Amino acid sequence: MTTYRVTATREADWWALVAFDVVGREVASQSRRLDQADATIREAIALVLDVEEDAFEVDITPDLKPTDVSAGTLEALELRRVLAELTDRARRETPAAVAELRRAGLTVRDVAGLLGVTPSRVSQIEKRSSLASSA
């Protein structure tokens, strides 16, 4: 599925949204609040592409400048972005880690402790993996 990069820049009371490289051009829209940006830019991109709004992904990056907020705030925002990426990556890698650690003979409780999840979560992951492999 195609993912379009979108930059959200604060302009007065609005977020200016620009999607890059949508069939070789930029697509722009705007929203009052950042939580409305996804729906707003999806509608604009879908209109240009003549597709459904769920036919693609968008990756929205707010662009705040040091003149807008302090360096400490920018750093906090970047750290939270990195944390979200790492959390998503850990979530994707956890089933394989559970399987490998269990094959190595570790107990459910030991695996849970190593991965920082509950023993019941390890059991859920194992069950989901066995269902997926038998399908």
N, C-alpha and C. Protein backbone atom coordinates (compact mmCIF):
# COMPACT_ATOMS: atom_id res chain seq x y z
N MET A 1 0.85 -1.17 0.00
CA MET A 1 0.00 0.00 0.00
C MET A 1 0.90 1.24 0.00
N THR A 2 0.55 2.20 -0.80
CA THR A 2 1.33 3.44 -0.91
C THR A 2 1.12 4.31 0.32
N THR A 3 2.22 4.90 0.80
CA THR A 3 2.16 5.85 1.91
C THR A 3 2.63 7.20 1.40
N TYR A 4 1.83 8.23 1.64
CA TYR A 4 2.19 9.58 1.23
C TYR A 4 2.70 10.38 2.43
N ARG A 5 3.85 11.02 2.24
CA ARG A 5 4.42 11.89 3.28
C ARG A 5 3.67 13.20 3.27
N VAL A 6 3.27 13.64 4.46
CA VAL A 6 2.52 14.89 4.59
C VAL A 6 3.21 15.75 5.65
N THR A 7 3.42 17.00 5.32
CA THR A 7 3.96 17.96 6.28
C THR A 7 2.82 18.86 6.73
N ALA A 8 2.72 19.04 8.05
CA ALA A 8 1.71 19.92 8.64
C ALA A 8 2.44 21.12 9.25
N THR A 9 2.18 22.30 8.71
CA THR A 9 2.83 23.52 9.17
C THR A 9 1.78 24.45 9.74
N ARG A 10 2.07 25.01 10.90
CA ARG A 10 1.11 25.91 11.54
C ARG A 10 1.13 27.25 10.83
N GLU A 11 -0.04 27.68 10.37
CA GLU A 11 -0.22 28.97 9.71
C GLU A 11 -1.38 29.68 10.40
N ALA A 12 -1.06 30.64 11.26
CA ALA A 12 -2.08 31.36 12.05
C ALA A 12 -2.89 30.34 12.85
N ASP A 13 -4.19 30.24 12.60
CA ASP A 13 -5.06 29.32 13.34
C ASP A 13 -5.28 27.99 12.64
N TRP A 14 -4.53 27.72 11.57
CA TRP A 14 -4.74 26.53 10.76
C TRP A 14 -3.45 25.72 10.65
N TRP A 15 -3.62 24.43 10.36
CA TRP A 15 -2.50 23.58 9.96
C TRP A 15 -2.55 23.47 8.44
N ALA A 16 -1.51 23.93 7.78
CA ALA A 16 -1.40 23.78 6.33
C ALA A 16 -0.82 22.39 6.07
N LEU A 17 -1.51 21.60 5.27
CA LEU A 17 -1.12 20.21 5.00
C LEU A 17 -0.67 20.08 3.56
N VAL A 18 0.51 19.50 3.36
CA VAL A 18 1.01 19.29 2.01
C VAL A 18 1.48 17.84 1.89
N ALA A 19 0.86 17.11 0.97
CA ALA A 19 1.26 15.74 0.66
C ALA A 19 2.19 15.80 -0.55
N PHE A 20 3.31 15.11 -0.44
CA PHE A 20 4.32 15.17 -1.49
C PHE A 20 4.24 13.96 -2.42
N ASP A 21 4.56 14.19 -3.67
CA ASP A 21 4.69 13.14 -4.68
C ASP A 21 3.44 12.29 -4.84
N VAL A 22 2.31 12.95 -4.95
CA VAL A 22 1.06 12.26 -5.28
C VAL A 22 0.92 12.39 -6.79
N VAL A 23 1.14 11.29 -7.49
CA VAL A 23 1.21 11.26 -8.95
C VAL A 23 2.04 12.43 -9.49
N GLY A 24 3.22 12.61 -8.88
CA GLY A 24 4.17 13.60 -9.37
C GLY A 24 3.90 15.04 -8.97
N ARG A 25 2.98 15.26 -8.05
CA ARG A 25 2.72 16.64 -7.65
C ARG A 25 2.37 16.71 -6.16
N GLU A 26 2.25 17.91 -5.66
CA GLU A 26 1.86 18.11 -4.27
C GLU A 26 0.35 18.30 -4.18
N VAL A 27 -0.21 17.79 -3.10
CA VAL A 27 -1.64 17.99 -2.82
C VAL A 27 -1.72 18.70 -1.48
N ALA A 28 -2.49 19.77 -1.43
CA ALA A 28 -2.57 20.58 -0.21
C ALA A 28 -4.00 20.63 0.33
N SER A 29 -4.08 20.81 1.63
CA SER A 29 -5.35 21.01 2.30
C SER A 29 -5.04 21.74 3.60
N GLN A 30 -6.05 21.89 4.45
CA GLN A 30 -5.82 22.52 5.74
C GLN A 30 -6.82 21.99 6.75
N SER A 31 -6.44 22.08 8.02
CA SER A 31 -7.36 21.69 9.09
C SER A 31 -7.14 22.60 10.29
N ARG A 32 -8.17 22.75 11.07
CA ARG A 32 -8.08 23.58 12.28
C ARG A 32 -7.20 22.94 13.34
N ARG A 33 -7.39 21.61 13.50
CA ARG A 33 -6.66 20.88 14.53
C ARG A 33 -5.86 19.75 13.90
N LEU A 34 -4.79 19.40 14.56
CA LEU A 34 -3.92 18.34 14.06
C LEU A 34 -4.64 16.99 14.04
N ASP A 35 -5.55 16.75 14.98
CA ASP A 35 -6.27 15.47 14.99
C ASP A 35 -7.25 15.35 13.83
N GLN A 36 -7.49 16.43 13.10
CA GLN A 36 -8.36 16.40 11.93
C GLN A 36 -7.55 16.29 10.62
N ALA A 37 -6.23 16.38 10.74
CA ALA A 37 -5.37 16.43 9.55
C ALA A 37 -5.47 15.16 8.71
N ASP A 38 -5.48 14.00 9.35
CA ASP A 38 -5.52 12.74 8.62
C ASP A 38 -6.73 12.67 7.69
N ALA A 39 -7.90 12.91 8.24
CA ALA A 39 -9.13 12.84 7.43
C ALA A 39 -9.14 13.89 6.33
N THR A 40 -8.65 15.08 6.65
CA THR A 40 -8.67 16.18 5.69
C THR A 40 -7.76 15.91 4.50
N ILE A 41 -6.52 15.49 4.78
CA ILE A 41 -5.58 15.27 3.67
C ILE A 41 -5.94 14.00 2.90
N ARG A 42 -6.50 13.00 3.59
CA ARG A 42 -6.96 11.80 2.88
C ARG A 42 -8.03 12.14 1.86
N GLU A 43 -8.95 12.99 2.25
CA GLU A 43 -10.02 13.40 1.34
C GLU A 43 -9.44 14.08 0.10
N ALA A 44 -8.47 14.97 0.31
CA ALA A 44 -7.86 15.68 -0.82
C ALA A 44 -7.10 14.72 -1.74
N ILE A 45 -6.31 13.83 -1.15
CA ILE A 45 -5.52 12.88 -1.96
C ILE A 45 -6.46 11.94 -2.71
N ALA A 46 -7.47 11.43 -2.04
CA ALA A 46 -8.43 10.52 -2.69
C ALA A 46 -9.12 11.19 -3.86
N LEU A 47 -9.43 12.46 -3.71
CA LEU A 47 -10.08 13.22 -4.78
C LEU A 47 -9.15 13.32 -6.00
N VAL A 48 -7.88 13.61 -5.76
CA VAL A 48 -6.90 13.73 -6.86
C VAL A 48 -6.69 12.38 -7.54
N LEU A 49 -6.60 11.31 -6.73
CA LEU A 49 -6.33 9.98 -7.28
C LEU A 49 -7.58 9.26 -7.78
N ASP A 50 -8.76 9.77 -7.40
CA ASP A 50 -10.03 9.13 -7.72
C ASP A 50 -10.08 7.70 -7.17
N VAL A 51 -9.75 7.60 -5.86
CA VAL A 51 -9.78 6.31 -5.16
C VAL A 51 -10.49 6.52 -3.82
N GLU A 52 -10.74 5.42 -3.12
CA GLU A 52 -11.31 5.50 -1.77
C GLU A 52 -10.26 6.05 -0.80
N GLU A 53 -10.71 6.67 0.28
CA GLU A 53 -9.80 7.28 1.25
C GLU A 53 -8.98 6.27 2.03
N ASP A 54 -9.37 5.00 2.02
CA ASP A 54 -8.59 3.98 2.72
C ASP A 54 -7.69 3.17 1.78
N ALA A 55 -7.52 3.65 0.55
CA ALA A 55 -6.70 2.95 -0.44
C ALA A 55 -5.22 3.26 -0.32
N PHE A 56 -4.84 4.08 0.65
CA PHE A 56 -3.45 4.48 0.83
C PHE A 56 -3.24 4.87 2.28
N GLU A 57 -1.99 5.05 2.65
CA GLU A 57 -1.64 5.49 4.00
C GLU A 57 -1.09 6.90 3.92
N VAL A 58 -1.17 7.63 5.03
CA VAL A 58 -0.53 8.94 5.12
C VAL A 58 0.35 8.96 6.36
N ASP A 59 1.48 9.62 6.23
CA ASP A 59 2.42 9.80 7.34
C ASP A 59 2.57 11.29 7.55
N ILE A 60 1.88 11.82 8.57
CA ILE A 60 1.84 13.26 8.81
C ILE A 60 2.92 13.65 9.82
N THR A 61 3.76 14.60 9.41
CA THR A 61 4.81 15.11 10.29
C THR A 61 4.56 16.58 10.55
N PRO A 62 4.24 16.93 11.81
CA PRO A 62 4.09 18.35 12.14
C PRO A 62 5.44 19.04 12.04
N ASP A 63 5.46 20.20 11.45
CA ASP A 63 6.70 20.95 11.26
C ASP A 63 6.65 22.21 12.14
N LEU A 64 7.19 22.09 13.35
CA LEU A 64 7.26 23.23 14.25
C LEU A 64 8.67 23.79 14.19
N LYS A 65 8.79 25.07 14.22
CA LYS A 65 10.10 25.71 14.09
C LYS A 65 10.57 26.24 15.44
N PRO A 66 11.89 26.38 15.61
CA PRO A 66 12.42 26.92 16.86
C PRO A 66 11.86 28.30 17.20
N THR A 67 11.36 29.02 16.21
CA THR A 67 10.75 30.32 16.50
C THR A 67 9.36 30.15 17.09
N ASP A 68 8.75 28.96 16.89
CA ASP A 68 7.41 28.68 17.42
C ASP A 68 7.46 28.16 18.86
N VAL A 69 8.41 27.26 19.13
CA VAL A 69 8.54 26.62 20.44
C VAL A 69 10.01 26.47 20.80
N SER A 70 10.28 26.16 22.05
CA SER A 70 11.66 26.04 22.53
C SER A 70 12.35 24.78 22.01
N ALA A 71 13.67 24.77 22.09
CA ALA A 71 14.45 23.61 21.68
C ALA A 71 14.09 22.40 22.55
N GLY A 72 13.81 22.62 23.82
CA GLY A 72 13.42 21.53 24.71
C GLY A 72 12.11 20.88 24.27
N THR A 73 11.17 21.69 23.85
CA THR A 73 9.90 21.16 23.37
C THR A 73 10.09 20.39 22.07
N LEU A 74 10.90 20.92 21.17
CA LEU A 74 11.19 20.20 19.92
C LEU A 74 11.85 18.87 20.21
N GLU A 75 12.78 18.85 21.18
CA GLU A 75 13.44 17.60 21.54
C GLU A 75 12.44 16.60 22.13
N ALA A 76 11.54 17.07 23.00
CA ALA A 76 10.53 16.18 23.58
C ALA A 76 9.64 15.59 22.49
N LEU A 77 9.25 16.40 21.53
CA LEU A 77 8.42 15.90 20.42
C LEU A 77 9.16 14.85 19.60
N GLU A 78 10.43 15.10 19.33
CA GLU A 78 11.23 14.13 18.56
C GLU A 78 11.40 12.83 19.34
N LEU A 79 11.67 12.94 20.63
CA LEU A 79 11.82 11.73 21.45
C LEU A 79 10.54 10.92 21.47
N ARG A 80 9.39 11.59 21.55
CA ARG A 80 8.12 10.87 21.53
C ARG A 80 7.87 10.22 20.18
N ARG A 81 8.28 10.87 19.09
CA ARG A 81 8.13 10.28 17.76
C ARG A 81 8.99 9.01 17.66
N VAL A 82 10.24 9.10 18.12
CA VAL A 82 11.14 7.95 18.08
C VAL A 82 10.59 6.83 18.97
N LEU A 83 10.08 7.18 20.14
CA LEU A 83 9.50 6.19 21.04
C LEU A 83 8.34 5.46 20.37
N ALA A 84 7.49 6.19 19.67
CA ALA A 84 6.35 5.56 18.98
C ALA A 84 6.84 4.60 17.91
N GLU A 85 7.88 5.00 17.17
CA GLU A 85 8.44 4.11 16.14
C GLU A 85 9.01 2.85 16.76
N LEU A 86 9.77 3.02 17.85
CA LEU A 86 10.38 1.87 18.52
C LEU A 86 9.33 0.96 19.14
N THR A 87 8.28 1.53 19.70
CA THR A 87 7.20 0.74 20.27
C THR A 87 6.52 -0.09 19.19
N ASP A 88 6.28 0.51 18.04
CA ASP A 88 5.66 -0.22 16.94
C ASP A 88 6.58 -1.34 16.45
N ARG A 89 7.86 -1.05 16.35
CA ARG A 89 8.83 -2.06 15.92
C ARG A 89 8.90 -3.21 16.93
N ALA A 90 8.91 -2.88 18.22
CA ALA A 90 8.94 -3.91 19.26
C ALA A 90 7.69 -4.78 19.19
N ARG A 91 6.54 -4.16 18.95
CA ARG A 91 5.29 -4.91 18.82
C ARG A 91 5.35 -5.90 17.67
N ARG A 92 5.93 -5.47 16.54
CA ARG A 92 6.04 -6.37 15.37
C ARG A 92 7.03 -7.50 15.61
N GLU A 93 8.10 -7.25 16.35
CA GLU A 93 9.15 -8.24 16.57
C GLU A 93 8.85 -9.20 17.73
N THR A 94 7.93 -8.83 18.60
CA THR A 94 7.68 -9.62 19.81
C THR A 94 7.22 -11.05 19.54
N PRO A 95 6.31 -11.32 18.60
CA PRO A 95 5.92 -12.73 18.38
C PRO A 95 7.10 -13.64 18.03
N ALA A 96 8.00 -13.17 17.20
CA ALA A 96 9.17 -13.99 16.84
C ALA A 96 10.07 -14.18 18.05
N ALA A 97 10.22 -13.15 18.86
CA ALA A 97 11.05 -13.25 20.06
C ALA A 97 10.43 -14.25 21.06
N VAL A 98 9.11 -14.19 21.22
CA VAL A 98 8.43 -15.13 22.11
C VAL A 98 8.68 -16.55 21.63
N ALA A 99 8.49 -16.79 20.35
CA ALA A 99 8.67 -18.14 19.80
C ALA A 99 10.09 -18.63 20.01
N GLU A 100 11.07 -17.78 19.73
CA GLU A 100 12.47 -18.19 19.87
C GLU A 100 12.84 -18.46 21.32
N LEU A 101 12.41 -17.59 22.22
CA LEU A 101 12.72 -17.78 23.64
C LEU A 101 12.05 -19.03 24.21
N ARG A 102 10.83 -19.30 23.77
CA ARG A 102 10.15 -20.52 24.23
C ARG A 102 10.81 -21.77 23.67
N ARG A 103 11.25 -21.71 22.39
CA ARG A 103 11.98 -22.85 21.80
C ARG A 103 13.29 -23.09 22.54
N ALA A 104 13.87 -22.03 23.10
CA ALA A 104 15.13 -22.15 23.85
C ALA A 104 14.89 -22.72 25.25
N GLY A 105 13.62 -22.97 25.59
CA GLY A 105 13.30 -23.62 26.85
C GLY A 105 12.93 -22.70 27.98
N LEU A 106 12.79 -21.42 27.73
CA LEU A 106 12.42 -20.49 28.79
C LEU A 106 10.94 -20.64 29.13
N THR A 107 10.63 -20.43 30.40
CA THR A 107 9.23 -20.50 30.83
C THR A 107 8.48 -19.26 30.35
N VAL A 108 7.16 -19.36 30.38
CA VAL A 108 6.32 -18.22 30.01
C VAL A 108 6.64 -17.02 30.90
N ARG A 109 6.82 -17.27 32.20
CA ARG A 109 7.13 -16.17 33.12
C ARG A 109 8.49 -15.54 32.81
N ASP A 110 9.48 -16.36 32.48
CA ASP A 110 10.79 -15.81 32.13
C ASP A 110 10.72 -14.98 30.86
N VAL A 111 10.01 -15.47 29.86
CA VAL A 111 9.85 -14.72 28.61
C VAL A 111 9.15 -13.40 28.89
N ALA A 112 8.10 -13.45 29.70
CA ALA A 112 7.37 -12.24 30.04
C ALA A 112 8.29 -11.23 30.72
N GLY A 113 9.08 -11.68 31.66
CA GLY A 113 10.00 -10.79 32.36
C GLY A 113 11.02 -10.17 31.43
N LEU A 114 11.57 -10.96 30.52
CA LEU A 114 12.56 -10.44 29.57
C LEU A 114 11.97 -9.42 28.62
N LEU A 115 10.74 -9.65 28.20
CA LEU A 115 10.11 -8.77 27.21
C LEU A 115 9.31 -7.63 27.84
N GLY A 116 9.14 -7.67 29.15
CA GLY A 116 8.41 -6.59 29.81
C GLY A 116 6.92 -6.63 29.55
N VAL A 117 6.39 -7.84 29.40
CA VAL A 117 4.95 -8.02 29.22
C VAL A 117 4.46 -8.99 30.28
N THR A 118 3.16 -9.19 30.37
CA THR A 118 2.62 -10.13 31.35
C THR A 118 2.69 -11.55 30.81
N PRO A 119 2.71 -12.53 31.71
CA PRO A 119 2.68 -13.92 31.25
C PRO A 119 1.45 -14.22 30.39
N SER A 120 0.31 -13.61 30.73
CA SER A 120 -0.88 -13.86 29.91
C SER A 120 -0.70 -13.31 28.50
N ARG A 121 0.04 -12.21 28.37
CA ARG A 121 0.30 -11.66 27.02
C ARG A 121 1.17 -12.62 26.21
N VAL A 122 2.17 -13.23 26.86
CA VAL A 122 3.01 -14.23 26.17
C VAL A 122 2.14 -15.38 25.68
N SER A 123 1.23 -15.85 26.53
CA SER A 123 0.34 -16.94 26.13
C SER A 123 -0.56 -16.53 24.97
N GLN A 124 -1.06 -15.30 24.99
CA GLN A 124 -1.89 -14.80 23.88
C GLN A 124 -1.10 -14.79 22.58
N ILE A 125 0.13 -14.32 22.66
CA ILE A 125 0.98 -14.25 21.46
C ILE A 125 1.24 -15.65 20.92
N GLU A 126 1.54 -16.58 21.81
CA GLU A 126 1.78 -17.96 21.39
C GLU A 126 0.53 -18.55 20.73
N LYS A 127 -0.63 -18.32 21.32
CA LYS A 127 -1.88 -18.84 20.78
C LYS A 127 -2.15 -18.25 19.39
N ARG A 128 -1.98 -16.94 19.26
CA ARG A 128 -2.22 -16.26 17.98
C ARG A 128 -1.24 -16.80 16.92
N SER A 129 0.01 -17.02 17.30
CA SER A 129 1.01 -17.52 16.35
C SER A 129 0.67 -18.94 15.90
N SER A 130 0.21 -19.78 16.85
CA SER A 130 -0.12 -21.16 16.46
C SER A 130 -1.37 -21.20 15.58
N LEU A 131 -2.32 -20.29 15.83
CA LEU A 131 -3.50 -20.22 14.97
C LEU A 131 -3.13 -19.76 13.57
N ALA A 132 -2.22 -18.80 13.48
CA ALA A 132 -1.81 -18.27 12.18
C ALA A 132 -1.04 -19.32 11.39
N SER A 133 -0.21 -20.10 12.06
CA SER A 133 0.59 -21.10 11.34
C SER A 133 -0.25 -22.31 10.92
N SER A 134 -1.37 -22.56 11.59
CA SER A 134 -2.22 -23.68 11.20
C SER A 134 -3.25 -23.31 10.14
N ALA A 135 -3.35 -22.02 9.85
CA ALA A 135 -4.34 -21.56 8.87
C ALA A 135 -3.86 -21.70 7.46
